[in-house]
Amino acid sequence: MASGYGITVWKNGKKNKGWAGQVIEHYLGLPQNSLQAPDFGSWELKVVPLSRAADGTLRVKESMAITMIEPAEVLADKFEDSHLYDKLRSMIVVARIFENVEDSSSILHSAAEFDLDNPSIRKQVEADYEAIREVIKTKGVDALTGDTGKYVQARTKGRGHGTTSRAFYARALFVAHILNLHKLAWMPVVVPDWERFLYERRGQARLPDQRDFSR
């Protein structure tokens, strides 16, 4: 599917890390953008890789980037006014199975709907935001590390180990909870028939039976 949409996974020896999300956007006929507002008006789309453990079970391979941290905006905005809140309050998380480093093949596994309606989840995410905000306020953005935050953490984002840009990330355990791969306090609705689920969100009726979207 990637080649069919003219999306390159590799170019000049470098991987296009966002290729999977771009494929799904094209698949749904949605415009690509890099804005901090939600991708598609009222909801945000995220794609995360799953890898197989030694016992064959699927696990979230890595934490999930949510949105960039702009220090001045974080200091000025309360949680409910933040870009982090905008992204998390209505989100679709699509899981794909990571097969190899080359990403020569990747199968879509499921899609899950997530929001901040659950009081305990929202309370913890807000607490994580405020903890990160406090570090920026008292010590500066350079003092942020991935240790802060139970569900949401702040990490460097960008090319090279010397990058100073940082973003909010959902920890892998939190993403596993969203996808119903690991139980936390509550369970979201996980939809194995991701094709029908995503197209219902776009008001479409049916998708072709084509699940390997790396080709």
N, C-alpha and C. Protein backbone atom coordinates (compact mmCIF):
# COMPACT_ATOMS: atom_id res chain seq x y z
N MET A 1 0.82 -1.20 0.00
CA MET A 1 0.00 0.00 0.00
C MET A 1 0.86 1.26 0.00
N ALA A 2 1.99 1.22 0.71
CA ALA A 2 2.86 2.40 0.77
C ALA A 2 3.32 2.80 -0.62
N SER A 3 3.79 1.83 -1.39
CA SER A 3 4.27 2.15 -2.74
C SER A 3 3.13 2.63 -3.62
N GLY A 4 1.94 2.10 -3.41
CA GLY A 4 0.79 2.51 -4.19
C GLY A 4 0.43 3.97 -3.98
N TYR A 5 0.73 4.50 -2.79
CA TYR A 5 0.46 5.90 -2.49
C TYR A 5 1.69 6.78 -2.72
N GLY A 6 2.78 6.18 -3.20
CA GLY A 6 3.99 6.95 -3.45
C GLY A 6 4.72 7.33 -2.17
N ILE A 7 4.53 6.54 -1.12
CA ILE A 7 5.18 6.80 0.17
C ILE A 7 6.39 5.89 0.31
N THR A 8 7.55 6.48 0.52
CA THR A 8 8.78 5.70 0.65
C THR A 8 9.03 5.37 2.11
N VAL A 9 9.36 4.10 2.38
CA VAL A 9 9.74 3.69 3.73
C VAL A 9 11.20 4.04 3.96
N TRP A 10 12.01 3.83 2.95
CA TRP A 10 13.44 4.16 3.01
C TRP A 10 13.82 5.05 1.82
N LYS A 11 14.68 6.02 2.07
CA LYS A 11 15.19 6.88 1.01
C LYS A 11 16.60 7.31 1.37
N ASN A 12 17.54 7.03 0.47
CA ASN A 12 18.96 7.37 0.68
C ASN A 12 19.48 6.81 2.00
N GLY A 13 19.06 5.60 2.32
CA GLY A 13 19.55 4.94 3.53
C GLY A 13 18.90 5.38 4.82
N LYS A 14 17.90 6.26 4.74
CA LYS A 14 17.24 6.75 5.94
C LYS A 14 15.77 6.35 5.93
N LYS A 15 15.27 5.92 7.10
CA LYS A 15 13.88 5.49 7.19
C LYS A 15 12.95 6.67 7.40
N ASN A 16 11.85 6.65 6.70
CA ASN A 16 10.78 7.62 6.91
C ASN A 16 9.97 7.12 8.10
N LYS A 17 10.23 7.64 9.30
CA LYS A 17 9.62 7.11 10.51
C LYS A 17 8.10 7.29 10.55
N GLY A 18 7.60 8.24 9.78
CA GLY A 18 6.16 8.49 9.80
C GLY A 18 5.40 7.80 8.69
N TRP A 19 6.05 6.87 8.00
CA TRP A 19 5.43 6.28 6.80
C TRP A 19 4.11 5.57 7.12
N ALA A 20 4.04 4.87 8.24
CA ALA A 20 2.82 4.10 8.54
C ALA A 20 1.61 5.01 8.72
N GLY A 21 1.81 6.10 9.46
CA GLY A 21 0.72 7.05 9.64
C GLY A 21 0.31 7.71 8.34
N GLN A 22 1.30 7.98 7.48
CA GLN A 22 1.01 8.60 6.19
C GLN A 22 0.19 7.67 5.31
N VAL A 23 0.48 6.36 5.37
CA VAL A 23 -0.27 5.39 4.59
C VAL A 23 -1.74 5.39 5.03
N ILE A 24 -1.97 5.37 6.33
CA ILE A 24 -3.34 5.34 6.83
C ILE A 24 -4.08 6.62 6.47
N GLU A 25 -3.39 7.75 6.55
CA GLU A 25 -4.01 9.02 6.17
C GLU A 25 -4.45 8.98 4.70
N HIS A 26 -3.57 8.49 3.85
CA HIS A 26 -3.93 8.36 2.42
C HIS A 26 -5.07 7.37 2.25
N TYR A 27 -5.01 6.28 2.98
CA TYR A 27 -6.02 5.23 2.88
C TYR A 27 -7.41 5.76 3.21
N LEU A 28 -7.46 6.69 4.15
CA LEU A 28 -8.74 7.28 4.56
C LEU A 28 -9.06 8.56 3.81
N GLY A 29 -8.15 8.98 2.93
CA GLY A 29 -8.40 10.21 2.18
C GLY A 29 -8.30 11.45 3.03
N LEU A 30 -7.39 11.42 4.00
CA LEU A 30 -7.26 12.53 4.94
C LEU A 30 -6.01 13.34 4.63
N PRO A 31 -6.05 14.66 4.83
CA PRO A 31 -4.89 15.51 4.53
C PRO A 31 -3.80 15.32 5.57
N GLN A 32 -2.55 15.41 5.13
CA GLN A 32 -1.42 15.33 6.06
C GLN A 32 -1.10 16.72 6.57
N ASN A 33 -0.73 16.78 7.86
CA ASN A 33 -0.31 18.06 8.42
C ASN A 33 0.61 17.83 9.60
N SER A 34 1.33 18.86 9.99
CA SER A 34 2.25 18.78 11.13
C SER A 34 1.85 19.79 12.20
N LEU A 35 0.59 20.21 12.18
CA LEU A 35 0.12 21.18 13.15
C LEU A 35 -0.06 20.54 14.52
N GLN A 36 -0.08 21.37 15.57
CA GLN A 36 -0.27 20.82 16.92
C GLN A 36 -1.74 20.55 17.22
N ALA A 37 -2.64 21.07 16.41
CA ALA A 37 -4.06 20.76 16.59
C ALA A 37 -4.30 19.31 16.21
N PRO A 38 -5.41 18.70 16.67
CA PRO A 38 -5.73 17.33 16.28
C PRO A 38 -5.72 17.17 14.77
N ASP A 39 -5.31 15.98 14.31
CA ASP A 39 -5.10 15.74 12.88
C ASP A 39 -6.33 16.00 12.04
N PHE A 40 -7.51 15.56 12.51
CA PHE A 40 -8.69 15.58 11.67
C PHE A 40 -9.86 16.26 12.35
N GLY A 41 -9.64 17.52 12.70
CA GLY A 41 -10.71 18.32 13.29
C GLY A 41 -10.92 17.99 14.75
N SER A 42 -11.76 17.00 15.04
CA SER A 42 -12.09 16.69 16.43
C SER A 42 -11.31 15.51 16.99
N TRP A 43 -10.60 14.76 16.14
CA TRP A 43 -9.88 13.61 16.67
C TRP A 43 -8.48 13.49 16.10
N GLU A 44 -7.64 12.84 16.88
CA GLU A 44 -6.23 12.66 16.58
C GLU A 44 -5.96 11.21 16.18
N LEU A 45 -5.11 11.00 15.18
CA LEU A 45 -4.75 9.66 14.75
C LEU A 45 -3.30 9.37 15.12
N LYS A 46 -3.07 8.22 15.77
CA LYS A 46 -1.72 7.78 16.09
C LYS A 46 -1.55 6.33 15.64
N VAL A 47 -0.34 6.01 15.18
CA VAL A 47 -0.01 4.64 14.78
C VAL A 47 1.18 4.19 15.61
N VAL A 48 1.07 3.02 16.24
CA VAL A 48 2.14 2.52 17.09
C VAL A 48 2.52 1.09 16.68
N PRO A 49 3.81 0.74 16.79
CA PRO A 49 4.24 -0.61 16.44
C PRO A 49 4.14 -1.56 17.63
N LEU A 50 3.78 -2.80 17.32
CA LEU A 50 3.79 -3.88 18.30
C LEU A 50 4.88 -4.86 17.91
N SER A 51 5.57 -5.41 18.91
CA SER A 51 6.58 -6.43 18.64
C SER A 51 6.24 -7.69 19.44
N ARG A 52 6.75 -8.82 18.99
CA ARG A 52 6.47 -10.08 19.67
C ARG A 52 7.55 -10.39 20.70
N ALA A 53 7.11 -10.71 21.91
CA ALA A 53 8.03 -11.11 22.96
C ALA A 53 8.47 -12.55 22.72
N ALA A 54 9.40 -13.04 23.54
CA ALA A 54 9.92 -14.40 23.36
C ALA A 54 8.82 -15.45 23.48
N ASP A 55 7.79 -15.16 24.27
CA ASP A 55 6.70 -16.12 24.44
C ASP A 55 5.61 -15.97 23.37
N GLY A 56 5.84 -15.06 22.41
CA GLY A 56 4.90 -14.89 21.32
C GLY A 56 3.83 -13.85 21.54
N THR A 57 3.74 -13.30 22.74
CA THR A 57 2.72 -12.28 23.02
C THR A 57 3.14 -10.95 22.39
N LEU A 58 2.14 -10.15 22.03
CA LEU A 58 2.40 -8.84 21.44
C LEU A 58 2.55 -7.79 22.52
N ARG A 59 3.54 -6.94 22.36
CA ARG A 59 3.79 -5.85 23.29
C ARG A 59 4.02 -4.56 22.52
N VAL A 60 3.72 -3.44 23.15
CA VAL A 60 3.99 -2.13 22.54
C VAL A 60 5.50 -1.96 22.46
N LYS A 61 5.99 -1.67 21.29
CA LYS A 61 7.43 -1.63 21.05
C LYS A 61 8.10 -0.40 21.66
N GLU A 62 7.39 0.71 21.70
CA GLU A 62 8.01 1.96 22.15
C GLU A 62 6.94 2.94 22.63
N SER A 63 7.39 3.98 23.29
CA SER A 63 6.46 5.01 23.73
C SER A 63 5.91 5.75 22.52
N MET A 64 4.79 6.43 22.70
CA MET A 64 4.09 7.08 21.58
C MET A 64 4.19 8.61 21.69
N ALA A 65 4.77 9.23 20.67
CA ALA A 65 4.86 10.68 20.66
C ALA A 65 3.45 11.28 20.54
N ILE A 66 3.17 12.29 21.36
CA ILE A 66 1.85 12.92 21.35
C ILE A 66 1.90 14.30 20.70
N THR A 67 2.73 15.18 21.24
CA THR A 67 2.84 16.52 20.68
C THR A 67 4.12 17.17 21.20
N MET A 68 4.64 18.13 20.45
CA MET A 68 5.87 18.82 20.84
C MET A 68 5.63 19.69 22.08
N ILE A 69 6.69 19.90 22.83
CA ILE A 69 6.64 20.78 24.00
C ILE A 69 7.19 22.15 23.60
N GLU A 70 6.34 23.15 23.69
CA GLU A 70 6.76 24.54 23.53
C GLU A 70 6.78 25.13 24.94
N PRO A 71 7.97 25.32 25.53
CA PRO A 71 8.07 25.71 26.94
C PRO A 71 7.21 26.91 27.34
N ALA A 72 7.21 27.95 26.52
CA ALA A 72 6.43 29.16 26.86
C ALA A 72 4.94 28.84 26.93
N GLU A 73 4.46 28.01 26.01
CA GLU A 73 3.04 27.66 26.00
C GLU A 73 2.68 26.76 27.17
N VAL A 74 3.55 25.83 27.51
CA VAL A 74 3.29 24.95 28.65
C VAL A 74 3.21 25.75 29.93
N LEU A 75 4.09 26.71 30.09
CA LEU A 75 4.07 27.56 31.29
C LEU A 75 2.81 28.42 31.35
N ALA A 76 2.34 28.86 30.20
CA ALA A 76 1.18 29.76 30.17
C ALA A 76 -0.16 29.02 30.25
N ASP A 77 -0.19 27.76 29.78
CA ASP A 77 -1.46 27.05 29.64
C ASP A 77 -1.71 26.04 30.75
N LYS A 78 -2.91 26.10 31.30
CA LYS A 78 -3.34 25.03 32.19
C LYS A 78 -3.61 23.79 31.34
N PHE A 79 -3.74 22.65 32.00
CA PHE A 79 -3.89 21.40 31.27
C PHE A 79 -5.03 21.44 30.26
N GLU A 80 -6.19 21.92 30.68
CA GLU A 80 -7.35 21.90 29.79
C GLU A 80 -7.22 22.86 28.61
N ASP A 81 -6.22 23.75 28.64
CA ASP A 81 -5.97 24.66 27.53
C ASP A 81 -4.77 24.24 26.69
N SER A 82 -4.17 23.12 27.03
CA SER A 82 -2.90 22.71 26.42
C SER A 82 -3.10 21.90 25.13
N HIS A 83 -2.02 21.85 24.33
CA HIS A 83 -2.03 21.01 23.14
C HIS A 83 -2.09 19.54 23.53
N LEU A 84 -1.50 19.18 24.66
CA LEU A 84 -1.56 17.80 25.13
C LEU A 84 -3.00 17.37 25.35
N TYR A 85 -3.78 18.22 25.99
CA TYR A 85 -5.19 17.91 26.22
C TYR A 85 -5.95 17.79 24.90
N ASP A 86 -5.69 18.71 23.98
CA ASP A 86 -6.36 18.69 22.67
C ASP A 86 -6.11 17.37 21.94
N LYS A 87 -4.89 16.87 22.05
CA LYS A 87 -4.54 15.63 21.36
C LYS A 87 -5.19 14.41 22.01
N LEU A 88 -5.22 14.38 23.34
CA LEU A 88 -5.67 13.19 24.05
C LEU A 88 -7.17 13.10 24.27
N ARG A 89 -7.88 14.19 24.14
CA ARG A 89 -9.30 14.16 24.50
C ARG A 89 -10.15 13.38 23.49
N SER A 90 -9.64 13.17 22.28
CA SER A 90 -10.35 12.36 21.30
C SER A 90 -9.33 11.77 20.33
N MET A 91 -8.98 10.50 20.55
CA MET A 91 -7.87 9.90 19.83
C MET A 91 -8.21 8.51 19.31
N ILE A 92 -7.69 8.20 18.13
CA ILE A 92 -7.74 6.85 17.58
C ILE A 92 -6.31 6.34 17.52
N VAL A 93 -6.04 5.20 18.17
CA VAL A 93 -4.70 4.61 18.15
C VAL A 93 -4.76 3.33 17.34
N VAL A 94 -3.97 3.28 16.28
CA VAL A 94 -3.92 2.12 15.40
C VAL A 94 -2.62 1.36 15.67
N ALA A 95 -2.73 0.06 15.87
CA ALA A 95 -1.55 -0.77 16.15
C ALA A 95 -1.16 -1.58 14.92
N ARG A 96 0.13 -1.60 14.61
CA ARG A 96 0.64 -2.41 13.51
C ARG A 96 1.71 -3.35 14.07
N ILE A 97 1.88 -4.49 13.45
CA ILE A 97 2.86 -5.47 13.92
C ILE A 97 4.21 -5.20 13.25
N PHE A 98 5.21 -4.95 14.09
CA PHE A 98 6.57 -4.73 13.62
C PHE A 98 7.20 -6.08 13.30
N GLU A 99 7.64 -6.25 12.05
CA GLU A 99 8.21 -7.53 11.62
C GLU A 99 9.73 -7.50 11.59
N ASN A 100 10.31 -6.43 11.08
CA ASN A 100 11.76 -6.34 10.98
C ASN A 100 12.18 -4.88 10.84
N VAL A 101 13.47 -4.64 11.00
CA VAL A 101 14.00 -3.27 10.95
C VAL A 101 13.74 -2.63 9.60
N GLU A 102 13.77 -3.44 8.55
CA GLU A 102 13.57 -2.90 7.20
C GLU A 102 12.11 -2.50 6.97
N ASP A 103 11.19 -2.95 7.81
CA ASP A 103 9.76 -2.71 7.61
C ASP A 103 9.32 -3.16 6.22
N SER A 104 9.85 -4.30 5.81
CA SER A 104 9.49 -4.83 4.50
C SER A 104 8.04 -5.31 4.46
N SER A 105 7.49 -5.58 5.63
CA SER A 105 6.08 -5.97 5.74
C SER A 105 5.57 -5.56 7.11
N SER A 106 4.34 -5.11 7.16
CA SER A 106 3.74 -4.72 8.44
C SER A 106 2.24 -4.88 8.35
N ILE A 107 1.68 -5.63 9.29
CA ILE A 107 0.25 -5.93 9.27
C ILE A 107 -0.47 -5.09 10.33
N LEU A 108 -1.58 -4.50 9.95
CA LEU A 108 -2.39 -3.77 10.92
C LEU A 108 -3.07 -4.76 11.86
N HIS A 109 -2.99 -4.48 13.16
CA HIS A 109 -3.49 -5.40 14.17
C HIS A 109 -4.86 -5.00 14.69
N SER A 110 -5.03 -3.74 15.09
CA SER A 110 -6.29 -3.30 15.69
C SER A 110 -6.32 -1.79 15.78
N ALA A 111 -7.46 -1.26 16.17
CA ALA A 111 -7.60 0.18 16.41
C ALA A 111 -8.37 0.37 17.70
N ALA A 112 -8.00 1.37 18.48
CA ALA A 112 -8.66 1.62 19.75
C ALA A 112 -9.04 3.09 19.86
N GLU A 113 -10.18 3.34 20.44
CA GLU A 113 -10.67 4.70 20.67
C GLU A 113 -10.30 5.10 22.10
N PHE A 114 -9.81 6.32 22.25
CA PHE A 114 -9.40 6.79 23.58
C PHE A 114 -9.84 8.24 23.78
N ASP A 115 -10.24 8.55 25.01
CA ASP A 115 -10.52 9.93 25.38
C ASP A 115 -10.17 10.10 26.86
N LEU A 116 -10.44 11.26 27.39
CA LEU A 116 -10.10 11.55 28.78
C LEU A 116 -11.34 11.59 29.67
N ASP A 117 -12.38 10.85 29.29
CA ASP A 117 -13.62 10.86 30.06
C ASP A 117 -13.48 10.15 31.39
N ASN A 118 -12.56 9.18 31.48
CA ASN A 118 -12.38 8.49 32.75
C ASN A 118 -11.67 9.40 33.75
N PRO A 119 -12.31 9.69 34.90
CA PRO A 119 -11.74 10.67 35.85
C PRO A 119 -10.35 10.30 36.36
N SER A 120 -10.11 9.02 36.65
CA SER A 120 -8.82 8.64 37.22
C SER A 120 -7.70 8.77 36.19
N ILE A 121 -8.00 8.43 34.93
CA ILE A 121 -6.99 8.57 33.87
C ILE A 121 -6.69 10.05 33.63
N ARG A 122 -7.74 10.84 33.54
CA ARG A 122 -7.54 12.27 33.32
C ARG A 122 -6.76 12.90 34.47
N LYS A 123 -7.08 12.51 35.69
CA LYS A 123 -6.39 13.07 36.86
C LYS A 123 -4.91 12.78 36.81
N GLN A 124 -4.54 11.54 36.42
CA GLN A 124 -3.12 11.18 36.37
C GLN A 124 -2.41 11.89 35.22
N VAL A 125 -3.04 11.97 34.06
CA VAL A 125 -2.42 12.65 32.92
C VAL A 125 -2.23 14.13 33.25
N GLU A 126 -3.21 14.73 33.90
CA GLU A 126 -3.07 16.14 34.30
C GLU A 126 -1.95 16.30 35.32
N ALA A 127 -1.84 15.35 36.24
CA ALA A 127 -0.76 15.41 37.23
C ALA A 127 0.60 15.30 36.54
N ASP A 128 0.70 14.45 35.54
CA ASP A 128 1.95 14.33 34.78
C ASP A 128 2.28 15.64 34.08
N TYR A 129 1.26 16.26 33.48
CA TYR A 129 1.46 17.54 32.80
C TYR A 129 1.95 18.60 33.78
N GLU A 130 1.33 18.67 34.94
CA GLU A 130 1.71 19.67 35.94
C GLU A 130 3.11 19.41 36.48
N ALA A 131 3.50 18.14 36.62
CA ALA A 131 4.84 17.83 37.08
C ALA A 131 5.88 18.27 36.07
N ILE A 132 5.61 18.04 34.80
CA ILE A 132 6.52 18.47 33.73
C ILE A 132 6.55 20.00 33.68
N ARG A 133 5.41 20.60 33.83
CA ARG A 133 5.30 22.07 33.83
C ARG A 133 6.12 22.67 34.97
N GLU A 134 6.09 22.02 36.13
CA GLU A 134 6.83 22.51 37.30
C GLU A 134 8.34 22.44 37.08
N VAL A 135 8.80 21.37 36.43
CA VAL A 135 10.23 21.26 36.13
C VAL A 135 10.66 22.39 35.21
N ILE A 136 9.85 22.66 34.17
CA ILE A 136 10.18 23.76 33.25
C ILE A 136 10.21 25.09 33.99
N LYS A 137 9.25 25.29 34.89
CA LYS A 137 9.14 26.54 35.63
C LYS A 137 10.30 26.77 36.58
N THR A 138 10.71 25.73 37.28
CA THR A 138 11.72 25.88 38.34
C THR A 138 13.15 25.61 37.87
N LYS A 139 13.31 24.75 36.87
CA LYS A 139 14.66 24.36 36.48
C LYS A 139 14.97 24.60 35.00
N GLY A 140 13.93 24.83 34.20
CA GLY A 140 14.13 25.04 32.78
C GLY A 140 13.90 23.77 31.98
N VAL A 141 13.62 23.93 30.71
CA VAL A 141 13.26 22.80 29.86
C VAL A 141 14.40 21.80 29.72
N ASP A 142 15.64 22.25 29.82
CA ASP A 142 16.78 21.35 29.67
C ASP A 142 16.88 20.37 30.82
N ALA A 143 16.18 20.64 31.92
CA ALA A 143 16.22 19.75 33.07
C ALA A 143 15.22 18.60 32.95
N LEU A 144 14.38 18.64 31.94
CA LEU A 144 13.38 17.58 31.77
C LEU A 144 14.04 16.25 31.41
N THR A 145 13.57 15.19 32.06
CA THR A 145 14.02 13.84 31.73
C THR A 145 12.80 12.93 31.60
N GLY A 146 13.01 11.76 31.09
CA GLY A 146 11.92 10.81 30.92
C GLY A 146 11.43 10.21 32.22
N ASP A 147 12.05 10.54 33.34
CA ASP A 147 11.65 9.98 34.63
C ASP A 147 10.37 10.60 35.16
N THR A 148 10.07 11.82 34.74
CA THR A 148 8.90 12.52 35.25
C THR A 148 7.64 12.04 34.53
N GLY A 149 6.59 11.76 35.31
CA GLY A 149 5.31 11.36 34.73
C GLY A 149 5.07 9.87 34.79
N LYS A 150 3.87 9.49 35.22
CA LYS A 150 3.49 8.07 35.32
C LYS A 150 2.96 7.53 34.00
N TYR A 151 2.07 8.27 33.34
CA TYR A 151 1.51 7.86 32.06
C TYR A 151 2.11 8.64 30.90
N VAL A 152 2.39 9.92 31.14
CA VAL A 152 2.94 10.81 30.11
C VAL A 152 4.29 11.33 30.58
N GLN A 153 5.27 11.25 29.72
CA GLN A 153 6.61 11.72 30.05
C GLN A 153 7.07 12.74 29.02
N ALA A 154 8.17 13.44 29.33
CA ALA A 154 8.78 14.39 28.40
C ALA A 154 10.13 13.84 27.97
N ARG A 155 10.33 13.75 26.64
CA ARG A 155 11.58 13.22 26.11
C ARG A 155 12.05 14.05 24.94
N THR A 156 13.34 13.93 24.65
CA THR A 156 13.87 14.62 23.48
C THR A 156 13.26 14.01 22.22
N LYS A 157 13.10 14.84 21.21
CA LYS A 157 12.53 14.38 19.94
C LYS A 157 13.27 15.07 18.81
N GLY A 158 13.66 14.30 17.83
CA GLY A 158 14.38 14.88 16.69
C GLY A 158 15.62 14.07 16.39
N ARG A 159 16.28 14.43 15.32
CA ARG A 159 17.44 13.67 14.86
C ARG A 159 18.67 14.04 15.67
N GLY A 160 19.46 13.02 15.99
CA GLY A 160 20.72 13.25 16.68
C GLY A 160 20.58 13.27 18.18
N HIS A 161 21.61 12.83 18.87
CA HIS A 161 21.57 12.77 20.33
C HIS A 161 21.71 14.14 20.97
N GLY A 162 22.13 15.14 20.19
CA GLY A 162 22.31 16.47 20.75
C GLY A 162 21.08 17.35 20.63
N THR A 163 19.97 16.82 20.19
CA THR A 163 18.77 17.62 20.00
C THR A 163 18.26 18.17 21.33
N THR A 164 17.71 19.38 21.28
CA THR A 164 17.15 20.00 22.49
C THR A 164 15.63 20.05 22.43
N SER A 165 15.05 19.67 21.29
CA SER A 165 13.59 19.66 21.18
C SER A 165 13.02 18.54 22.03
N ARG A 166 11.88 18.81 22.67
CA ARG A 166 11.25 17.81 23.52
C ARG A 166 9.78 17.70 23.19
N ALA A 167 9.23 16.54 23.50
CA ALA A 167 7.83 16.27 23.22
C ALA A 167 7.21 15.49 24.37
N PHE A 168 5.88 15.55 24.44
CA PHE A 168 5.14 14.70 25.36
C PHE A 168 5.01 13.32 24.73
N TYR A 169 5.28 12.29 25.50
CA TYR A 169 5.14 10.90 25.04
C TYR A 169 4.25 10.13 26.00
N ALA A 170 3.41 9.26 25.45
CA ALA A 170 2.67 8.31 26.28
C ALA A 170 3.58 7.11 26.51
N ARG A 171 3.77 6.76 27.75
CA ARG A 171 4.63 5.61 28.06
C ARG A 171 4.07 4.34 27.43
N ALA A 172 4.94 3.39 27.14
CA ALA A 172 4.52 2.15 26.48
C ALA A 172 3.45 1.43 27.28
N LEU A 173 3.54 1.46 28.61
CA LEU A 173 2.54 0.81 29.45
C LEU A 173 1.17 1.45 29.29
N PHE A 174 1.14 2.76 29.14
CA PHE A 174 -0.11 3.49 28.94
C PHE A 174 -0.69 3.16 27.56
N VAL A 175 0.17 3.09 26.55
CA VAL A 175 -0.29 2.74 25.20
C VAL A 175 -0.84 1.32 25.19
N ALA A 176 -0.17 0.41 25.90
CA ALA A 176 -0.64 -0.98 25.98
C ALA A 176 -2.02 -1.03 26.62
N HIS A 177 -2.25 -0.17 27.58
CA HIS A 177 -3.57 -0.09 28.21
C HIS A 177 -4.63 0.38 27.21
N ILE A 178 -4.30 1.41 26.45
CA ILE A 178 -5.23 1.93 25.45
C ILE A 178 -5.61 0.83 24.45
N LEU A 179 -4.63 0.01 24.09
CA LEU A 179 -4.85 -1.04 23.09
C LEU A 179 -5.35 -2.35 23.71
N ASN A 180 -5.59 -2.33 25.01
CA ASN A 180 -6.11 -3.51 25.70
C ASN A 180 -5.11 -4.67 25.68
N LEU A 181 -3.83 -4.34 25.68
CA LEU A 181 -2.79 -5.36 25.76
C LEU A 181 -2.29 -5.54 27.18
N HIS A 182 -2.65 -4.59 28.04
CA HIS A 182 -2.24 -4.64 29.44
C HIS A 182 -3.30 -3.92 30.27
N LYS A 183 -3.72 -4.52 31.35
CA LYS A 183 -4.81 -3.96 32.14
C LYS A 183 -4.30 -2.93 33.15
N LEU A 184 -4.91 -1.74 33.06
CA LEU A 184 -4.72 -0.74 34.11
C LEU A 184 -6.04 -0.63 34.86
N ALA A 185 -6.46 0.56 35.20
CA ALA A 185 -7.66 0.73 36.01
C ALA A 185 -8.95 0.48 35.24
N TRP A 186 -8.92 0.68 33.94
CA TRP A 186 -10.13 0.52 33.13
C TRP A 186 -9.73 0.09 31.74
N MET A 187 -10.67 -0.35 30.96
CA MET A 187 -10.36 -0.86 29.64
C MET A 187 -11.10 -0.07 28.57
N PRO A 188 -10.41 0.39 27.53
CA PRO A 188 -11.08 1.09 26.43
C PRO A 188 -11.71 0.09 25.46
N VAL A 189 -12.43 0.62 24.50
CA VAL A 189 -13.00 -0.22 23.45
C VAL A 189 -11.93 -0.45 22.39
N VAL A 190 -11.58 -1.72 22.17
CA VAL A 190 -10.59 -2.06 21.15
C VAL A 190 -11.31 -2.74 20.01
N VAL A 191 -10.98 -2.35 18.80
CA VAL A 191 -11.72 -2.82 17.64
C VAL A 191 -10.80 -3.63 16.73
N PRO A 192 -10.90 -4.97 16.73
CA PRO A 192 -10.07 -5.77 15.83
C PRO A 192 -10.37 -5.47 14.36
N ASP A 193 -11.65 -5.20 14.03
CA ASP A 193 -12.00 -4.88 12.66
C ASP A 193 -11.71 -3.40 12.43
N TRP A 194 -10.42 -3.06 12.38
CA TRP A 194 -10.00 -1.67 12.31
C TRP A 194 -10.48 -0.97 11.05
N GLU A 195 -10.62 -1.73 9.95
CA GLU A 195 -11.03 -1.10 8.70
C GLU A 195 -12.43 -0.48 8.83
N ARG A 196 -13.37 -1.28 9.31
CA ARG A 196 -14.73 -0.79 9.47
C ARG A 196 -14.77 0.35 10.49
N PHE A 197 -14.01 0.19 11.56
CA PHE A 197 -13.98 1.19 12.63
C PHE A 197 -13.51 2.55 12.11
N LEU A 198 -12.39 2.56 11.39
CA LEU A 198 -11.84 3.82 10.89
C LEU A 198 -12.75 4.46 9.86
N TYR A 199 -13.32 3.66 9.01
CA TYR A 199 -14.17 4.23 7.97
C TYR A 199 -15.51 4.71 8.52
N GLU A 200 -15.97 4.10 9.59
CA GLU A 200 -17.18 4.64 10.22
C GLU A 200 -16.91 6.03 10.78
N ARG A 201 -15.66 6.25 11.23
CA ARG A 201 -15.30 7.57 11.74
C ARG A 201 -15.25 8.61 10.62
N ARG A 202 -15.10 8.12 9.39
CA ARG A 202 -15.06 9.03 8.24
C ARG A 202 -16.37 9.02 7.46
N GLY A 203 -17.37 8.27 7.95
CA GLY A 203 -18.64 8.21 7.26
C GLY A 203 -18.61 7.38 6.00
N GLN A 204 -17.60 6.48 5.90
CA GLN A 204 -17.49 5.61 4.73
C GLN A 204 -18.14 4.27 5.04
N ALA A 205 -18.37 3.49 4.02
CA ALA A 205 -19.10 2.24 4.20
C ALA A 205 -18.20 1.02 4.28
N ARG A 206 -17.21 0.92 3.40
CA ARG A 206 -16.51 -0.34 3.29
C ARG A 206 -15.09 -0.12 2.76
N LEU A 207 -14.17 -1.00 3.16
CA LEU A 207 -12.80 -0.94 2.70
C LEU A 207 -12.43 -2.21 1.94
N PRO A 208 -11.49 -2.13 1.05
CA PRO A 208 -11.02 -3.35 0.40
C PRO A 208 -10.26 -4.21 1.39
N ASP A 209 -10.19 -5.50 1.16
CA ASP A 209 -9.53 -6.43 2.06
C ASP A 209 -8.04 -6.43 1.77
N GLN A 210 -7.32 -5.46 2.34
CA GLN A 210 -5.89 -5.31 2.08
C GLN A 210 -5.24 -4.81 3.36
N ARG A 211 -4.53 -5.68 4.07
CA ARG A 211 -4.07 -5.34 5.39
C ARG A 211 -2.56 -5.09 5.48
N ASP A 212 -1.77 -5.65 4.57
CA ASP A 212 -0.35 -5.40 4.61
C ASP A 212 -0.09 -4.07 3.92
N PHE A 213 0.15 -3.03 4.72
CA PHE A 213 0.19 -1.69 4.14
C PHE A 213 1.61 -1.17 3.94
N SER A 214 2.61 -2.04 4.07
CA SER A 214 3.98 -1.58 3.84
C SER A 214 4.40 -1.77 2.39
N ARG A 215 3.61 -2.52 1.62
CA ARG A 215 4.03 -2.83 0.25
C ARG A 215 3.43 -1.87 -0.76
